[in-house]
N, C-alpha and C. Protein backbone atom coordinates (compact mmCIF):
# COMPACT_ATOMS: atom_id res chain seq x y z
N UNK A 1 0.82 -1.20 0.00
CA UNK A 1 0.00 0.00 0.00
C UNK A 1 0.86 1.26 0.00
N UNK A 2 1.98 1.20 0.75
CA UNK A 2 2.86 2.37 0.82
C UNK A 2 3.38 2.70 -0.58
N UNK A 3 3.80 1.67 -1.32
CA UNK A 3 4.37 1.90 -2.65
C UNK A 3 3.35 2.52 -3.60
N UNK A 4 2.10 2.10 -3.50
CA UNK A 4 1.06 2.64 -4.38
C UNK A 4 0.85 4.13 -4.09
N UNK A 5 0.74 4.47 -2.82
CA UNK A 5 0.55 5.88 -2.46
C UNK A 5 1.77 6.70 -2.87
N UNK A 6 2.95 6.12 -2.67
CA UNK A 6 4.19 6.79 -3.05
C UNK A 6 4.21 7.10 -4.54
N UNK A 7 3.83 6.13 -5.34
CA UNK A 7 3.83 6.33 -6.79
C UNK A 7 2.77 7.34 -7.23
N UNK A 8 1.61 7.31 -6.61
CA UNK A 8 0.57 8.29 -6.94
C UNK A 8 1.04 9.70 -6.59
N UNK A 9 1.59 9.86 -5.39
CA UNK A 9 2.10 11.18 -5.00
C UNK A 9 3.22 11.63 -5.93
N UNK A 10 4.13 10.71 -6.26
CA UNK A 10 5.24 11.05 -7.16
C UNK A 10 4.72 11.48 -8.52
N UNK A 11 3.72 10.79 -9.04
CA UNK A 11 3.16 11.14 -10.35
C UNK A 11 2.51 12.52 -10.32
N UNK A 12 1.74 12.79 -9.28
CA UNK A 12 1.07 14.09 -9.14
C UNK A 12 2.11 15.21 -9.07
N UNK A 13 3.06 15.05 -8.15
CA UNK A 13 4.03 16.12 -7.92
C UNK A 13 5.02 16.27 -9.07
N UNK A 14 5.36 15.17 -9.72
CA UNK A 14 6.28 15.25 -10.86
C UNK A 14 5.64 16.02 -12.02
N UNK A 15 4.39 15.70 -12.31
CA UNK A 15 3.73 16.38 -13.43
C UNK A 15 3.52 17.86 -13.13
N UNK A 16 3.06 18.18 -11.93
CA UNK A 16 2.83 19.58 -11.58
C UNK A 16 4.14 20.34 -11.41
N UNK A 17 5.11 19.70 -10.77
CA UNK A 17 6.41 20.36 -10.57
C UNK A 17 7.11 20.65 -11.89
N UNK A 18 7.09 19.68 -12.80
CA UNK A 18 7.72 19.89 -14.11
C UNK A 18 7.02 21.00 -14.88
N UNK A 19 5.70 21.04 -14.80
CA UNK A 19 4.95 22.09 -15.50
C UNK A 19 5.26 23.46 -14.92
N UNK A 20 5.43 23.54 -13.61
CA UNK A 20 5.78 24.82 -12.98
C UNK A 20 7.18 25.25 -13.38
N UNK A 21 8.13 24.33 -13.34
CA UNK A 21 9.51 24.65 -13.71
C UNK A 21 9.58 25.09 -15.17
N UNK A 22 8.84 24.41 -16.04
CA UNK A 22 8.82 24.77 -17.46
C UNK A 22 8.01 26.02 -17.73
N UNK A 23 7.27 26.47 -16.73
CA UNK A 23 6.42 27.67 -16.85
C UNK A 23 5.49 27.59 -18.05
N UNK A 24 4.80 26.45 -18.16
CA UNK A 24 3.82 26.30 -19.25
C UNK A 24 2.71 27.33 -19.04
N UNK A 25 1.99 27.69 -20.09
CA UNK A 25 0.98 28.75 -19.97
C UNK A 25 -0.02 28.56 -18.83
N UNK A 26 -0.48 27.33 -18.61
CA UNK A 26 -1.45 27.10 -17.53
C UNK A 26 -0.83 27.42 -16.17
N UNK A 27 0.45 27.15 -16.00
CA UNK A 27 1.12 27.44 -14.73
C UNK A 27 1.41 28.93 -14.59
N UNK A 28 1.66 29.60 -15.71
CA UNK A 28 1.82 31.06 -15.65
C UNK A 28 0.51 31.71 -15.20
N UNK A 29 -0.59 31.20 -15.72
CA UNK A 29 -1.90 31.72 -15.31
C UNK A 29 -2.17 31.41 -13.84
N UNK A 30 -1.80 30.22 -13.40
CA UNK A 30 -1.99 29.85 -12.00
C UNK A 30 -1.13 30.72 -11.09
N UNK A 31 0.09 31.02 -11.52
CA UNK A 31 0.96 31.89 -10.73
C UNK A 31 0.35 33.28 -10.60
N UNK A 32 -0.18 33.80 -11.70
CA UNK A 32 -0.81 35.12 -11.66
C UNK A 32 -2.03 35.11 -10.75
N UNK A 33 -2.81 34.04 -10.83
CA UNK A 33 -4.00 33.91 -9.97
C UNK A 33 -3.61 33.88 -8.49
N UNK A 34 -2.46 33.25 -8.20
CA UNK A 34 -1.99 33.15 -6.82
C UNK A 34 -1.24 34.40 -6.37
N UNK A 35 -1.14 35.39 -7.26
CA UNK A 35 -0.41 36.62 -6.98
C UNK A 35 1.07 36.34 -6.71
N UNK A 36 1.62 35.40 -7.47
CA UNK A 36 3.03 35.05 -7.37
C UNK A 36 3.70 35.28 -8.72
N UNK A 37 4.96 35.61 -8.68
CA UNK A 37 5.72 35.73 -9.92
C UNK A 37 6.04 34.36 -10.48
N UNK A 38 6.37 34.33 -11.76
CA UNK A 38 6.71 33.05 -12.40
C UNK A 38 7.95 32.44 -11.74
N UNK A 39 8.91 33.27 -11.36
CA UNK A 39 10.12 32.75 -10.71
C UNK A 39 9.78 32.06 -9.39
N UNK A 40 8.92 32.66 -8.61
CA UNK A 40 8.50 32.05 -7.34
C UNK A 40 7.77 30.74 -7.60
N UNK A 41 6.94 30.72 -8.63
CA UNK A 41 6.20 29.51 -8.96
C UNK A 41 7.14 28.41 -9.42
N UNK A 42 8.19 28.80 -10.15
CA UNK A 42 9.20 27.83 -10.56
C UNK A 42 9.89 27.22 -9.34
N UNK A 43 10.17 28.03 -8.34
CA UNK A 43 10.80 27.51 -7.11
C UNK A 43 9.89 26.51 -6.41
N UNK A 44 8.60 26.77 -6.44
CA UNK A 44 7.65 25.80 -5.88
C UNK A 44 7.74 24.49 -6.67
N UNK A 45 7.86 24.61 -7.99
CA UNK A 45 8.02 23.43 -8.83
C UNK A 45 9.28 22.65 -8.50
N UNK A 46 10.37 23.37 -8.25
CA UNK A 46 11.62 22.72 -7.85
C UNK A 46 11.43 21.97 -6.53
N UNK A 47 10.72 22.59 -5.59
CA UNK A 47 10.45 21.93 -4.31
C UNK A 47 9.59 20.68 -4.51
N UNK A 48 8.63 20.74 -5.43
CA UNK A 48 7.80 19.57 -5.71
C UNK A 48 8.63 18.45 -6.33
N UNK A 49 9.55 18.81 -7.22
CA UNK A 49 10.42 17.79 -7.82
C UNK A 49 11.38 17.21 -6.79
N UNK A 50 11.85 18.04 -5.86
CA UNK A 50 12.69 17.53 -4.77
C UNK A 50 11.91 16.55 -3.91
N UNK A 51 10.64 16.83 -3.70
CA UNK A 51 9.79 15.92 -2.93
C UNK A 51 9.66 14.58 -3.64
N UNK A 52 9.55 14.62 -4.97
CA UNK A 52 9.49 13.38 -5.75
C UNK A 52 10.77 12.57 -5.53
N UNK A 53 11.91 13.25 -5.59
CA UNK A 53 13.18 12.56 -5.36
C UNK A 53 13.20 11.94 -3.97
N UNK A 54 12.72 12.68 -2.98
CA UNK A 54 12.67 12.15 -1.62
C UNK A 54 11.76 10.95 -1.49
N UNK A 55 10.63 10.99 -2.19
CA UNK A 55 9.71 9.84 -2.17
C UNK A 55 10.38 8.61 -2.77
N UNK A 56 11.07 8.80 -3.88
CA UNK A 56 11.71 7.66 -4.54
C UNK A 56 12.88 7.13 -3.72
N UNK A 57 13.67 8.01 -3.13
CA UNK A 57 14.75 7.58 -2.24
C UNK A 57 14.16 6.86 -1.03
N UNK A 58 12.97 7.26 -0.64
CA UNK A 58 12.28 6.64 0.49
C UNK A 58 12.03 5.15 0.32
N UNK A 59 12.11 4.64 -0.91
CA UNK A 59 11.97 3.20 -1.12
C UNK A 59 13.11 2.45 -0.45
N UNK A 60 14.29 3.08 -0.41
CA UNK A 60 15.46 2.44 0.17
C UNK A 60 15.79 2.97 1.56
N UNK A 61 15.49 4.22 1.79
CA UNK A 61 15.79 4.86 3.07
C UNK A 61 14.52 5.55 3.55
N UNK A 62 13.81 4.92 4.44
CA UNK A 62 12.48 5.38 4.86
C UNK A 62 12.46 6.81 5.37
N UNK A 63 13.55 7.23 6.01
CA UNK A 63 13.55 8.59 6.56
C UNK A 63 13.49 9.65 5.46
N UNK A 64 14.02 9.35 4.28
CA UNK A 64 13.89 10.28 3.16
C UNK A 64 12.42 10.44 2.78
N UNK A 65 11.69 9.34 2.82
CA UNK A 65 10.25 9.40 2.54
C UNK A 65 9.50 10.22 3.59
N UNK A 66 9.92 10.07 4.84
CA UNK A 66 9.28 10.84 5.91
C UNK A 66 9.55 12.33 5.72
N UNK A 67 10.81 12.68 5.44
CA UNK A 67 11.15 14.09 5.22
C UNK A 67 10.44 14.64 3.99
N UNK A 68 10.34 13.84 2.93
CA UNK A 68 9.64 14.27 1.73
C UNK A 68 8.17 14.54 2.04
N UNK A 69 7.56 13.65 2.81
CA UNK A 69 6.14 13.82 3.17
C UNK A 69 5.93 15.09 3.97
N UNK A 70 6.83 15.38 4.89
CA UNK A 70 6.71 16.61 5.67
C UNK A 70 6.82 17.82 4.74
N UNK A 71 7.75 17.76 3.79
CA UNK A 71 7.88 18.85 2.82
C UNK A 71 6.63 19.01 1.97
N UNK A 72 6.04 17.90 1.56
CA UNK A 72 4.81 17.96 0.77
C UNK A 72 3.69 18.60 1.58
N UNK A 73 3.61 18.25 2.85
CA UNK A 73 2.57 18.85 3.70
C UNK A 73 2.77 20.36 3.83
N UNK A 74 4.01 20.80 3.91
CA UNK A 74 4.28 22.25 3.95
C UNK A 74 3.84 22.90 2.64
N UNK A 75 4.18 22.26 1.51
CA UNK A 75 3.76 22.79 0.21
C UNK A 75 2.23 22.86 0.09
N UNK A 76 1.55 21.81 0.52
CA UNK A 76 0.10 21.78 0.41
C UNK A 76 -0.57 22.75 1.39
N UNK A 77 0.06 22.97 2.54
CA UNK A 77 -0.46 23.99 3.47
C UNK A 77 -0.36 25.36 2.82
N UNK A 78 0.75 25.61 2.14
CA UNK A 78 0.90 26.88 1.43
C UNK A 78 -0.12 27.03 0.31
N UNK A 79 -0.32 25.96 -0.45
CA UNK A 79 -1.29 26.00 -1.54
C UNK A 79 -2.70 26.23 -1.01
N UNK A 80 -3.04 25.54 0.08
CA UNK A 80 -4.36 25.71 0.68
C UNK A 80 -4.55 27.14 1.17
N UNK A 81 -3.52 27.69 1.79
CA UNK A 81 -3.58 29.07 2.27
C UNK A 81 -3.82 30.04 1.13
N UNK A 82 -3.11 29.86 0.03
CA UNK A 82 -3.29 30.74 -1.14
C UNK A 82 -4.72 30.63 -1.67
N UNK A 83 -5.24 29.41 -1.77
CA UNK A 83 -6.61 29.23 -2.27
C UNK A 83 -7.63 29.88 -1.34
N UNK A 84 -7.43 29.74 -0.05
CA UNK A 84 -8.36 30.35 0.90
C UNK A 84 -8.28 31.87 0.86
N UNK A 85 -7.09 32.41 0.75
CA UNK A 85 -6.94 33.87 0.66
C UNK A 85 -7.59 34.43 -0.59
N UNK A 86 -7.53 33.65 -1.67
CA UNK A 86 -8.15 34.09 -2.93
C UNK A 86 -9.64 33.79 -2.97
N UNK A 87 -10.14 33.19 -1.91
CA UNK A 87 -11.56 32.81 -1.84
C UNK A 87 -11.97 31.93 -3.03
N UNK A 88 -11.07 31.01 -3.36
CA UNK A 88 -11.33 30.09 -4.46
C UNK A 88 -12.43 29.10 -4.09
N UNK A 89 -13.02 28.53 -5.12
CA UNK A 89 -14.07 27.54 -4.91
C UNK A 89 -13.47 26.26 -4.34
N UNK A 90 -14.34 25.42 -3.83
CA UNK A 90 -13.90 24.13 -3.29
C UNK A 90 -13.23 23.29 -4.37
N UNK A 91 -13.69 23.42 -5.60
CA UNK A 91 -13.09 22.66 -6.70
C UNK A 91 -11.63 23.03 -6.92
N UNK A 92 -11.27 24.28 -6.70
CA UNK A 92 -9.87 24.71 -6.84
C UNK A 92 -9.05 24.31 -5.63
N UNK A 93 -9.70 24.20 -4.49
CA UNK A 93 -9.02 23.85 -3.24
C UNK A 93 -8.80 22.34 -3.12
N UNK A 94 -9.67 21.56 -3.72
CA UNK A 94 -9.67 20.11 -3.55
C UNK A 94 -8.35 19.43 -3.92
N UNK A 95 -7.69 19.76 -5.02
CA UNK A 95 -6.43 19.06 -5.33
C UNK A 95 -5.37 19.21 -4.24
N UNK A 96 -5.19 20.41 -3.71
CA UNK A 96 -4.21 20.61 -2.65
C UNK A 96 -4.63 19.86 -1.39
N UNK A 97 -5.89 19.94 -1.05
CA UNK A 97 -6.40 19.26 0.15
C UNK A 97 -6.29 17.74 -0.01
N UNK A 98 -6.68 17.25 -1.18
CA UNK A 98 -6.61 15.81 -1.44
C UNK A 98 -5.18 15.29 -1.41
N UNK A 99 -4.27 16.06 -1.99
CA UNK A 99 -2.86 15.67 -1.96
C UNK A 99 -2.34 15.65 -0.52
N UNK A 100 -2.76 16.62 0.27
CA UNK A 100 -2.35 16.66 1.68
C UNK A 100 -2.88 15.44 2.42
N UNK A 101 -4.13 15.07 2.19
CA UNK A 101 -4.71 13.91 2.88
C UNK A 101 -4.02 12.62 2.45
N UNK A 102 -3.70 12.51 1.18
CA UNK A 102 -2.97 11.34 0.69
C UNK A 102 -1.58 11.28 1.33
N UNK A 103 -0.97 12.43 1.50
CA UNK A 103 0.35 12.51 2.13
C UNK A 103 0.27 12.12 3.60
N UNK A 104 -0.78 12.54 4.29
CA UNK A 104 -0.96 12.15 5.69
C UNK A 104 -1.09 10.63 5.80
N UNK A 105 -1.85 10.02 4.91
CA UNK A 105 -2.00 8.57 4.92
C UNK A 105 -0.65 7.89 4.67
N UNK A 106 0.09 8.39 3.69
CA UNK A 106 1.42 7.85 3.38
C UNK A 106 2.34 7.97 4.59
N UNK A 107 2.35 9.14 5.20
CA UNK A 107 3.21 9.39 6.35
C UNK A 107 2.86 8.46 7.52
N UNK A 108 1.57 8.30 7.77
CA UNK A 108 1.14 7.41 8.86
C UNK A 108 1.57 5.97 8.61
N UNK A 109 1.39 5.50 7.38
CA UNK A 109 1.80 4.14 7.04
C UNK A 109 3.31 3.98 7.12
N UNK A 110 4.02 4.98 6.68
CA UNK A 110 5.48 4.92 6.66
C UNK A 110 6.05 4.92 8.08
N UNK A 111 5.52 5.78 8.93
CA UNK A 111 5.98 5.83 10.32
C UNK A 111 5.66 4.51 11.03
N UNK A 112 4.49 3.99 10.76
CA UNK A 112 4.10 2.71 11.37
C UNK A 112 5.03 1.59 10.91
N UNK A 113 5.39 1.58 9.62
CA UNK A 113 6.28 0.55 9.09
C UNK A 113 7.71 0.71 9.60
N UNK A 114 8.09 1.94 9.92
CA UNK A 114 9.45 2.21 10.38
C UNK A 114 9.64 1.84 11.84
N UNK A 115 8.58 1.97 12.62
CA UNK A 115 8.72 1.72 14.07
C UNK A 115 8.59 0.26 14.43
């Protein structure tokens, strides 16, 4: 179960992180909506890609997965905060919230397996 959640999180964050780093038009629009510059949004993408690396390293070294999950939760807390400040609809908030909940499940399973 841990591996499945890990792969789902990695796929989500890899696709979004790469799109942010590449500054594709949809991500430029999302950055503007969030009142962030493209450079700042690219840095968020780099952090998301670093989280993917941590998740994958977590297959061999569980603590990397734990640290990656904590980083993902920080990223999703930031995303949720931005959506709430912008008074976005629940539909816009759901991906960040859903990713955070998936990360909490992953973290709980990982900590349980580590102890």
